[in-house]
Amino acid sequence: MKRFVPFLKKPPVVSVIRLNGMIASGQRGLNDAGTAEMIERAFRKGKPVAIALAINSPGGSPAQSSLIAARIRRLAEEKKLPVTAFVEDAAASGGYWLACAADDIIVDANSIVGSIGVISASFGLHEAISRLGVERRVHTAGQSKSFLDPFRPEKEEDVTRLRELQDEIHRNFIAHVQSRRGDRLTKEPDLFTGDVWIGQRSVEMGLADNVGHLAATMKERHGDSVKFVNHGPRRNLLRRFGLSMASSVAAEVEERALWARYGL
């Protein structure tokens, strides 16, 4: 009945945005198209006093990480709302890119944080198809169109070009972290090598601000009466009715490989 009494003060609302899993375009994983609605809703609905990002991600697409983080920052500045990231198992690579969209980052004592780097992994299948008696035929207009073809022997110039691309993305990642974390970062030489740190050590490195948890931290800041409103992505119809089984299996394998890099 409290909500019908006009002179009673309503409890403060904290919108919780859950960002869980691999970051990737398509039907599965976190991406800007799939998270846009829930992020916009979290900032605009219910007059929240703060935004909490519950992050549990091993990373993925740099572009999608950047797009999601940019949307969060735009809305935070537009609505003048403080944003705090709470790391669960991991905020690694692209997951840490998302965490840096927040004004401060809180980690669990066992959270994996960092992996500020860029990785590319593939397979070379040219010897396998030759054993099967298969001839690979590729015709291109433009000498770089068959760049890193997995069915052809690896070319040194392709690897050199790939590293140039990776270095550019890495520089963008570092610039994002530095712009968001500023003087809180230490001068540790391994900070941007792709290494990771656990809990309190990530705080000492300046990658996070404190060890703690979402509910306790928000209650400490906004009072015990604070109300949490969870916002998560809505499943699309294809996933809801199981019509994308093959792609889901492939994505699940890819995501498990990402988590396995951190022993999770």
C-alpha atoms as a PDB file:
ATOM      1  CA  MET A   1       0.000   0.000   0.000  1.00  0.00           C
ATOM      2  CA  LYS A   2       3.017   2.289   0.464  1.00  0.00           C
ATOM      3  CA  ARG A   3       3.145   3.291  -3.173  1.00  0.00           C
ATOM      4  CA  PHE A   4      -0.397   4.726  -3.007  1.00  0.00           C
ATOM      5  CA  VAL A   5       0.455   7.141  -0.168  1.00  0.00           C
ATOM      6  CA  PRO A   6       1.791  10.270  -1.900  1.00  0.00           C
ATOM      7  CA  PHE A   7       3.759  11.765   1.018  1.00  0.00           C
ATOM      8  CA  LEU A   8       5.777   8.621   1.794  1.00  0.00           C
ATOM      9  CA  LYS A   9       9.261   8.672   0.331  1.00  0.00           C
ATOM     10  CA  LYS A  10       9.950   5.952  -2.235  1.00  0.00           C
ATOM     11  CA  PRO A  11      13.049   3.792  -1.765  1.00  0.00           C
ATOM     12  CA  PRO A  12      15.990   4.635  -4.052  1.00  0.00           C
ATOM     13  CA  VAL A  13      16.289   2.449  -7.150  1.00  0.00           C
ATOM     14  CA  VAL A  14      19.514   0.967  -8.508  1.00  0.00           C
ATOM     15  CA  SER A  15      19.294  -0.450 -12.029  1.00  0.00           C
ATOM     16  CA  VAL A  16      21.395  -3.596 -12.416  1.00  0.00           C
ATOM     17  CA  ILE A  17      22.581  -4.352 -15.950  1.00  0.00           C
ATOM     18  CA  ARG A  18      23.772  -7.938 -16.320  1.00  0.00           C
ATOM     19  CA  LEU A  19      26.545  -8.375 -18.886  1.00  0.00           C
ATOM     20  CA  ASN A  20      27.326 -12.094 -18.889  1.00  0.00           C
ATOM     21  CA  GLY A  21      29.241 -14.197 -21.390  1.00  0.00           C
ATOM     22  CA  MET A  22      31.251 -13.866 -24.578  1.00  0.00           C
ATOM     23  CA  ILE A  23      31.160 -10.591 -26.509  1.00  0.00           C
ATOM     24  CA  ALA A  24      30.322 -11.244 -30.155  1.00  0.00           C
ATOM     25  CA  SER A  25      28.050 -10.135 -32.964  1.00  0.00           C
ATOM     26  CA  GLY A  26      25.206 -12.431 -33.971  1.00  0.00           C
ATOM     27  CA  GLN A  27      22.467 -14.227 -32.080  1.00  0.00           C
ATOM     28  CA  ARG A  28      24.599 -15.491 -29.231  1.00  0.00           C
ATOM     29  CA  GLY A  29      26.800 -13.414 -26.954  1.00  0.00           C
ATOM     30  CA  LEU A  30      26.864  -9.805 -25.840  1.00  0.00           C
ATOM     31  CA  ASN A  31      26.700  -7.214 -28.588  1.00  0.00           C
ATOM     32  CA  ASP A  32      25.457  -3.680 -29.049  1.00  0.00           C
ATOM     33  CA  ALA A  33      22.313  -4.658 -30.957  1.00  0.00           C
ATOM     34  CA  GLY A  34      21.341  -7.273 -28.376  1.00  0.00           C
ATOM     35  CA  THR A  35      22.037  -5.150 -25.282  1.00  0.00           C
ATOM     36  CA  ALA A  36      20.895  -1.722 -26.509  1.00  0.00           C
ATOM     37  CA  GLU A  37      17.278  -2.060 -25.386  1.00  0.00           C
ATOM     38  CA  MET A  38      18.080  -3.282 -21.876  1.00  0.00           C
ATOM     39  CA  ILE A  39      20.771  -0.651 -21.333  1.00  0.00           C
ATOM     40  CA  GLU A  40      18.501   2.166 -22.507  1.00  0.00           C
ATOM     41  CA  ARG A  41      15.693   0.807 -20.304  1.00  0.00           C
ATOM     42  CA  ALA A  42      17.957   0.567 -17.264  1.00  0.00           C
ATOM     43  CA  PHE A  43      18.951   4.237 -17.506  1.00  0.00           C
ATOM     44  CA  ARG A  44      15.508   5.617 -18.324  1.00  0.00           C
ATOM     45  CA  LYS A  45      12.986   3.511 -16.370  1.00  0.00           C
ATOM     46  CA  GLY A  46      12.087   4.041 -12.719  1.00  0.00           C
ATOM     47  CA  LYS A  47      14.271   7.100 -12.054  1.00  0.00           C
ATOM     48  CA  PRO A  48      17.307   5.178 -10.755  1.00  0.00           C
ATOM     49  CA  VAL A  49      19.841   6.869  -8.473  1.00  0.00           C
ATOM     50  CA  ALA A  50      22.695   4.732  -9.824  1.00  0.00           C
ATOM     51  CA  ILE A  51      23.580   2.053 -12.354  1.00  0.00           C
ATOM     52  CA  ALA A  52      25.332  -1.196 -11.424  1.00  0.00           C
ATOM     53  CA  LEU A  53      27.013  -3.285 -14.132  1.00  0.00           C
ATOM     54  CA  ALA A  54      27.184  -6.950 -13.101  1.00  0.00           C
ATOM     55  CA  ILE A  55      29.979  -8.191 -15.364  1.00  0.00           C
ATOM     56  CA  ASN A  56      31.037 -11.765 -15.965  1.00  0.00           C
ATOM     57  CA  SER A  57      32.804 -11.973 -19.320  1.00  0.00           C
ATOM     58  CA  PRO A  58      35.982 -13.531 -20.757  1.00  0.00           C
ATOM     59  CA  GLY A  59      35.959 -11.017 -23.613  1.00  0.00           C
ATOM     60  CA  GLY A  60      35.464 -11.273 -27.341  1.00  0.00           C
ATOM     61  CA  SER A  61      34.886  -8.709 -30.086  1.00  0.00           C
ATOM     62  CA  PRO A  62      36.778  -5.416 -29.603  1.00  0.00           C
ATOM     63  CA  ALA A  63      34.286  -3.509 -31.748  1.00  0.00           C
ATOM     64  CA  GLN A  64      31.239  -4.778 -29.859  1.00  0.00           C
ATOM     65  CA  SER A  65      32.980  -4.110 -26.536  1.00  0.00           C
ATOM     66  CA  SER A  66      33.632  -0.547 -27.638  1.00  0.00           C
ATOM     67  CA  LEU A  67      30.063  -0.002 -28.873  1.00  0.00           C
ATOM     68  CA  ILE A  68      28.459  -1.287 -25.657  1.00  0.00           C
ATOM     69  CA  ALA A  69      30.827   0.750 -23.467  1.00  0.00           C
ATOM     70  CA  ALA A  70      30.195   3.888 -25.549  1.00  0.00           C
ATOM     71  CA  ARG A  71      26.427   3.508 -25.127  1.00  0.00           C
ATOM     72  CA  ILE A  72      26.816   3.189 -21.355  1.00  0.00           C
ATOM     73  CA  ARG A  73      29.005   6.297 -21.172  1.00  0.00           C
ATOM     74  CA  ARG A  74      26.658   8.335 -23.374  1.00  0.00           C
ATOM     75  CA  LEU A  75      23.653   7.518 -21.192  1.00  0.00           C
ATOM     76  CA  ALA A  76      25.599   8.043 -17.954  1.00  0.00           C
ATOM     77  CA  GLU A  77      26.544  11.550 -19.049  1.00  0.00           C
ATOM     78  CA  GLU A  78      23.112  12.302 -20.473  1.00  0.00           C
ATOM     79  CA  LYS A  79      21.285  11.172 -17.306  1.00  0.00           C
ATOM     80  CA  LYS A  80      24.059  12.262 -14.934  1.00  0.00           C
ATOM     81  CA  LEU A  81      24.013   8.902 -13.175  1.00  0.00           C
ATOM     82  CA  PRO A  82      26.983   7.226 -11.436  1.00  0.00           C
ATOM     83  CA  VAL A  83      27.921   3.819 -12.866  1.00  0.00           C
ATOM     84  CA  THR A  84      29.714   1.121 -10.869  1.00  0.00           C
ATOM     85  CA  ALA A  85      30.972  -2.164 -12.335  1.00  0.00           C
ATOM     86  CA  PHE A  86      30.894  -5.300 -10.177  1.00  0.00           C
ATOM     87  CA  VAL A  87      33.088  -8.116 -11.486  1.00  0.00           C
ATOM     88  CA  GLU A  88      32.035 -11.703 -10.825  1.00  0.00           C
ATOM     89  CA  ASP A  89      34.257 -14.521 -12.198  1.00  0.00           C
ATOM     90  CA  ALA A  90      36.009 -12.354 -14.757  1.00  0.00           C
ATOM     91  CA  ALA A  91      36.205  -9.038 -16.542  1.00  0.00           C
ATOM     92  CA  ALA A  92      38.933 -10.027 -18.969  1.00  0.00           C
ATOM     93  CA  SER A  93      39.894  -8.543 -22.333  1.00  0.00           C
ATOM     94  CA  GLY A  94      36.646  -7.176 -23.801  1.00  0.00           C
ATOM     95  CA  GLY A  95      34.993  -7.808 -20.438  1.00  0.00           C
ATOM     96  CA  TYR A  96      37.423  -5.364 -18.870  1.00  0.00           C
ATOM     97  CA  TRP A  97      36.722  -2.903 -21.694  1.00  0.00           C
ATOM     98  CA  LEU A  98      33.084  -3.001 -20.508  1.00  0.00           C
ATOM     99  CA  ALA A  99      34.096  -2.567 -16.856  1.00  0.00           C
ATOM    100  CA  CYS A 100      36.024   0.583 -17.754  1.00  0.00           C
ATOM    101  CA  ALA A 101      32.772   2.168 -18.901  1.00  0.00           C
ATOM    102  CA  ALA A 102      31.959   2.504 -15.184  1.00  0.00           C
ATOM    103  CA  ASP A 103      33.123   5.290 -12.886  1.00  0.00           C
ATOM    104  CA  ASP A 104      34.522   2.730 -10.455  1.00  0.00           C
ATOM    105  CA  ILE A 105      35.151  -1.009 -10.486  1.00  0.00           C
ATOM    106  CA  ILE A 106      34.486  -3.388  -7.581  1.00  0.00           C
ATOM    107  CA  VAL A 107      35.819  -6.955  -7.698  1.00  0.00           C
ATOM    108  CA  ASP A 108      35.396 -10.141  -5.716  1.00  0.00           C
ATOM    109  CA  ALA A 109      38.515 -11.404  -3.951  1.00  0.00           C
ATOM    110  CA  ASN A 110      38.688 -14.152  -6.603  1.00  0.00           C
ATOM    111  CA  SER A 111      37.747 -12.161  -9.712  1.00  0.00           C
ATOM    112  CA  ILE A 112      40.030 -12.352 -12.761  1.00  0.00           C
ATOM    113  CA  VAL A 113      40.715  -8.882 -14.141  1.00  0.00           C
ATOM    114  CA  GLY A 114      42.741  -7.487 -17.037  1.00  0.00           C
ATOM    115  CA  SER A 115      43.953  -9.274 -20.174  1.00  0.00           C
ATOM    116  CA  ILE A 116      44.473  -5.934 -21.925  1.00  0.00           C
ATOM    117  CA  GLY A 117      45.640  -7.325 -25.228  1.00  0.00           C
ATOM    118  CA  VAL A 118      44.474  -8.715 -28.575  1.00  0.00           C
ATOM    119  CA  ILE A 119      44.461 -12.346 -29.705  1.00  0.00           C
ATOM    120  CA  SER A 120      43.732 -14.138 -32.957  1.00  0.00           C
ATOM    121  CA  ALA A 121      43.519 -17.924 -33.202  1.00  0.00           C
ATOM    122  CA  SER A 122      42.867 -20.185 -36.182  1.00  0.00           C
ATOM    123  CA  PHE A 123      43.905 -23.475 -37.782  1.00  0.00           C
ATOM    124  CA  GLY A 124      46.084 -24.385 -40.750  1.00  0.00           C
ATOM    125  CA  LEU A 125      44.327 -27.051 -42.815  1.00  0.00           C
ATOM    126  CA  HIS A 126      46.384 -27.069 -46.016  1.00  0.00           C
ATOM    127  CA  GLU A 127      48.180 -30.335 -45.200  1.00  0.00           C
ATOM    128  CA  ALA A 128      44.931 -32.044 -44.214  1.00  0.00           C
ATOM    129  CA  ILE A 129      43.192 -31.298 -47.504  1.00  0.00           C
ATOM    130  CA  SER A 130      46.265 -32.322 -49.511  1.00  0.00           C
ATOM    131  CA  ARG A 131      46.169 -35.750 -47.839  1.00  0.00           C
ATOM    132  CA  LEU A 132      42.545 -36.050 -48.899  1.00  0.00           C
ATOM    133  CA  GLY A 133      43.463 -35.219 -52.471  1.00  0.00           C
ATOM    134  CA  VAL A 134      41.568 -31.944 -52.391  1.00  0.00           C
ATOM    135  CA  GLU A 135      42.843 -29.054 -54.471  1.00  0.00           C
ATOM    136  CA  ARG A 136      42.133 -25.563 -53.129  1.00  0.00           C
ATOM    137  CA  ARG A 137      41.143 -23.119 -55.903  1.00  0.00           C
ATOM    138  CA  VAL A 138      40.915 -19.425 -55.027  1.00  0.00           C
ATOM    139  CA  HIS A 139      40.593 -16.572 -57.518  1.00  0.00           C
ATOM    140  CA  THR A 140      40.697 -12.988 -56.267  1.00  0.00           C
ATOM    141  CA  ALA A 141      40.655  -9.418 -57.525  1.00  0.00           C
ATOM    142  CA  GLY A 142      42.960  -7.722 -55.051  1.00  0.00           C
ATOM    143  CA  GLN A 143      46.095  -9.392 -53.721  1.00  0.00           C
ATOM    144  CA  SER A 144      44.968  -9.306 -50.070  1.00  0.00           C
ATOM    145  CA  LYS A 145      41.535 -10.901 -50.540  1.00  0.00           C
ATOM    146  CA  SER A 146      42.793 -14.365 -49.529  1.00  0.00           C
ATOM    147  CA  PHE A 147      44.500 -12.958 -46.445  1.00  0.00           C
ATOM    148  CA  LEU A 148      45.254 -15.730 -43.888  1.00  0.00           C
ATOM    149  CA  ASP A 149      43.405 -18.400 -45.858  1.00  0.00           C
ATOM    150  CA  PRO A 150      43.448 -21.445 -43.505  1.00  0.00           C
ATOM    151  CA  PHE A 151      43.542 -23.814 -46.495  1.00  0.00           C
ATOM    152  CA  ARG A 152      46.855 -22.382 -47.741  1.00  0.00           C
ATOM    153  CA  PRO A 153      50.301 -22.328 -46.113  1.00  0.00           C
ATOM    154  CA  GLU A 154      50.782 -19.337 -43.826  1.00  0.00           C
ATOM    155  CA  LYS A 155      52.553 -16.380 -45.448  1.00  0.00           C
ATOM    156  CA  GLU A 156      55.013 -14.238 -43.514  1.00  0.00           C
ATOM    157  CA  GLU A 157      53.567 -11.056 -45.008  1.00  0.00           C
ATOM    158  CA  ASP A 158      50.073 -12.076 -43.842  1.00  0.00           C
ATOM    159  CA  VAL A 159      51.313 -12.594 -40.282  1.00  0.00           C
ATOM    160  CA  THR A 160      53.080  -9.226 -40.369  1.00  0.00           C
ATOM    161  CA  ARG A 161      49.896  -7.518 -41.548  1.00  0.00           C
ATOM    162  CA  LEU A 162      47.815  -9.288 -38.876  1.00  0.00           C
ATOM    163  CA  ARG A 163      50.175  -8.059 -36.164  1.00  0.00           C
ATOM    164  CA  GLU A 164      49.847  -4.508 -37.487  1.00  0.00           C
ATOM    165  CA  LEU A 165      46.067  -4.773 -37.189  1.00  0.00           C
ATOM    166  CA  GLN A 166      46.314  -6.269 -33.702  1.00  0.00           C
ATOM    167  CA  ASP A 167      48.718  -3.536 -32.580  1.00  0.00           C
ATOM    168  CA  GLU A 168      46.275  -0.854 -33.693  1.00  0.00           C
ATOM    169  CA  ILE A 169      43.388  -2.428 -31.764  1.00  0.00           C
ATOM    170  CA  HIS A 170      45.694  -2.897 -28.775  1.00  0.00           C
ATOM    171  CA  ARG A 171      46.546   0.810 -28.821  1.00  0.00           C
ATOM    172  CA  ASN A 172      42.838   1.653 -28.889  1.00  0.00           C
ATOM    173  CA  PHE A 173      42.241  -0.664 -25.912  1.00  0.00           C
ATOM    174  CA  ILE A 174      45.087   0.894 -23.922  1.00  0.00           C
ATOM    175  CA  ALA A 175      43.843   4.412 -24.721  1.00  0.00           C
ATOM    176  CA  HIS A 176      40.350   3.484 -23.498  1.00  0.00           C
ATOM    177  CA  VAL A 177      41.683   2.079 -20.217  1.00  0.00           C
ATOM    178  CA  GLN A 178      43.960   5.054 -19.654  1.00  0.00           C
ATOM    179  CA  SER A 179      41.204   7.573 -20.398  1.00  0.00           C
ATOM    180  CA  ARG A 180      38.823   5.890 -17.949  1.00  0.00           C
ATOM    181  CA  ARG A 181      41.229   4.871 -15.154  1.00  0.00           C
ATOM    182  CA  GLY A 182      43.645   7.795 -15.383  1.00  0.00           C
ATOM    183  CA  ASP A 183      45.993   8.303 -12.429  1.00  0.00           C
ATOM    184  CA  ARG A 184      44.583   5.264 -10.651  1.00  0.00           C
ATOM    185  CA  LEU A 185      46.724   3.022 -12.876  1.00  0.00           C
ATOM    186  CA  THR A 186      50.151   2.031 -11.609  1.00  0.00           C
ATOM    187  CA  LYS A 187      53.317   2.267 -13.716  1.00  0.00           C
ATOM    188  CA  GLU A 188      53.666  -1.536 -13.690  1.00  0.00           C
ATOM    189  CA  PRO A 189      55.344  -2.524 -17.000  1.00  0.00           C
ATOM    190  CA  ASP A 190      53.179  -5.656 -17.363  1.00  0.00           C
ATOM    191  CA  LEU A 191      49.909  -3.723 -17.134  1.00  0.00           C
ATOM    192  CA  PHE A 192      49.152  -3.819 -20.862  1.00  0.00           C
ATOM    193  CA  THR A 193      50.821  -7.108 -21.836  1.00  0.00           C
ATOM    194  CA  GLY A 194      47.621  -9.171 -21.754  1.00  0.00           C
ATOM    195  CA  ASP A 195      48.335 -10.525 -18.257  1.00  0.00           C
ATOM    196  CA  VAL A 196      45.576 -10.914 -15.651  1.00  0.00           C
ATOM    197  CA  TRP A 197      45.360 -10.303 -11.902  1.00  0.00           C
ATOM    198  CA  ILE A 198      43.142 -11.559  -9.095  1.00  0.00           C
ATOM    199  CA  GLY A 199      40.961  -9.536  -6.734  1.00  0.00           C
ATOM    200  CA  GLN A 200      43.020  -7.379  -4.378  1.00  0.00           C
ATOM    201  CA  ARG A 201      46.048  -7.471  -6.670  1.00  0.00           C
ATOM    202  CA  SER A 202      43.968  -5.888  -9.460  1.00  0.00           C
ATOM    203  CA  VAL A 203      43.101  -3.098  -6.994  1.00  0.00           C
ATOM    204  CA  GLU A 204      46.797  -2.582  -6.259  1.00  0.00           C
ATOM    205  CA  MET A 205      47.446  -2.362 -10.018  1.00  0.00           C
ATOM    206  CA  GLY A 206      44.813   0.333 -10.362  1.00  0.00           C
ATOM    207  CA  LEU A 207      42.614  -1.818 -12.586  1.00  0.00           C
ATOM    208  CA  ALA A 208      39.906  -1.884  -9.906  1.00  0.00           C
ATOM    209  CA  ASP A 209      38.979   0.302  -6.937  1.00  0.00           C
ATOM    210  CA  ASN A 210      37.931  -2.060  -4.168  1.00  0.00           C
ATOM    211  CA  VAL A 211      37.037  -5.605  -3.178  1.00  0.00           C
ATOM    212  CA  GLY A 212      33.347  -5.970  -2.431  1.00  0.00           C
ATOM    213  CA  HIS A 213      29.926  -7.021  -3.708  1.00  0.00           C
ATOM    214  CA  LEU A 214      26.976  -5.393  -5.411  1.00  0.00           C
ATOM    215  CA  ALA A 215      24.216  -5.459  -2.782  1.00  0.00           C
ATOM    216  CA  ALA A 216      26.431  -4.529   0.161  1.00  0.00           C
ATOM    217  CA  THR A 217      28.141  -1.690  -1.706  1.00  0.00           C
ATOM    218  CA  MET A 218      24.911  -0.186  -3.024  1.00  0.00           C
ATOM    219  CA  LYS A 219      23.238  -0.405   0.400  1.00  0.00           C
ATOM    220  CA  GLU A 220      26.225   1.294   1.978  1.00  0.00           C
ATOM    221  CA  ARG A 221      25.941   4.118  -0.560  1.00  0.00           C
ATOM    222  CA  HIS A 222      22.168   4.479  -0.853  1.00  0.00           C
ATOM    223  CA  GLY A 223      20.730   2.980   2.341  1.00  0.00           C
ATOM    224  CA  ASP A 224      19.284  -0.382   3.362  1.00  0.00           C
ATOM    225  CA  SER A 225      15.965   0.387   1.689  1.00  0.00           C
ATOM    226  CA  VAL A 226      17.515   0.527  -1.785  1.00  0.00           C
ATOM    227  CA  LYS A 227      15.570  -1.380  -4.433  1.00  0.00           C
ATOM    228  CA  PHE A 228      17.383  -3.369  -7.119  1.00  0.00           C
ATOM    229  CA  VAL A 229      15.839  -3.676 -10.580  1.00  0.00           C
ATOM    230  CA  ASN A 230      17.538  -6.252 -12.814  1.00  0.00           C
ATOM    231  CA  HIS A 231      17.859  -5.742 -16.564  1.00  0.00           C
ATOM    232  CA  GLY A 232      18.970  -8.554 -18.859  1.00  0.00           C
ATOM    233  CA  PRO A 233      18.843  -9.188 -22.605  1.00  0.00           C
ATOM    234  CA  ARG A 234      15.615 -10.585 -23.994  1.00  0.00           C
ATOM    235  CA  ARG A 235      15.938 -13.811 -25.960  1.00  0.00           C
ATOM    236  CA  ASN A 236      15.016 -13.491 -29.599  1.00  0.00           C
ATOM    237  CA  LEU A 237      12.482 -15.823 -31.208  1.00  0.00           C
ATOM    238  CA  LEU A 238      15.073 -18.017 -32.939  1.00  0.00           C
ATOM    239  CA  ARG A 239      16.814 -18.825 -29.669  1.00  0.00           C
ATOM    240  CA  ARG A 240      13.533 -19.066 -27.772  1.00  0.00           C
ATOM    241  CA  PHE A 241      12.241 -21.840 -30.050  1.00  0.00           C
ATOM    242  CA  GLY A 242      15.593 -23.548 -30.631  1.00  0.00           C
ATOM    243  CA  LEU A 243      15.780 -22.779 -34.338  1.00  0.00           C
ATOM    244  CA  SER A 244      19.496 -21.932 -34.294  1.00  0.00           C
ATOM    245  CA  MET A 245      20.867 -25.173 -32.847  1.00  0.00           C
ATOM    246  CA  ALA A 246      23.945 -25.455 -35.081  1.00  0.00           C
ATOM    247  CA  SER A 247      25.085 -21.883 -34.560  1.00  0.00           C
ATOM    248  CA  SER A 248      24.412 -22.143 -30.815  1.00  0.00           C
ATOM    249  CA  VAL A 249      26.601 -25.242 -30.512  1.00  0.00           C
ATOM    250  CA  ALA A 250      29.433 -23.557 -32.401  1.00  0.00           C
ATOM    251  CA  ALA A 251      29.131 -20.435 -30.259  1.00  0.00           C
ATOM    252  CA  GLU A 252      29.074 -22.532 -27.098  1.00  0.00           C
ATOM    253  CA  VAL A 253      32.345 -24.213 -28.094  1.00  0.00           C
ATOM    254  CA  GLU A 254      33.929 -20.832 -28.836  1.00  0.00           C
ATOM    255  CA  GLU A 255      32.753 -19.389 -25.525  1.00  0.00           C
ATOM    256  CA  ARG A 256      34.001 -22.395 -23.546  1.00  0.00           C
ATOM    257  CA  ALA A 257      37.410 -21.937 -25.185  1.00  0.00           C
ATOM    258  CA  LEU A 258      37.480 -18.289 -24.056  1.00  0.00           C
ATOM    259  CA  TRP A 259      36.621 -19.200 -20.462  1.00  0.00           C
ATOM    260  CA  ALA A 260      39.172 -22.032 -20.491  1.00  0.00           C
ATOM    261  CA  ARG A 261      41.982 -19.505 -21.046  1.00  0.00           C
ATOM    262  CA  TYR A 262      41.375 -18.362 -17.457  1.00  0.00           C
ATOM    263  CA  GLY A 263      40.820 -21.819 -15.955  1.00  0.00           C
ATOM    264  CA  LEU A 264      37.064 -21.306 -15.701  1.00  0.00           C
END
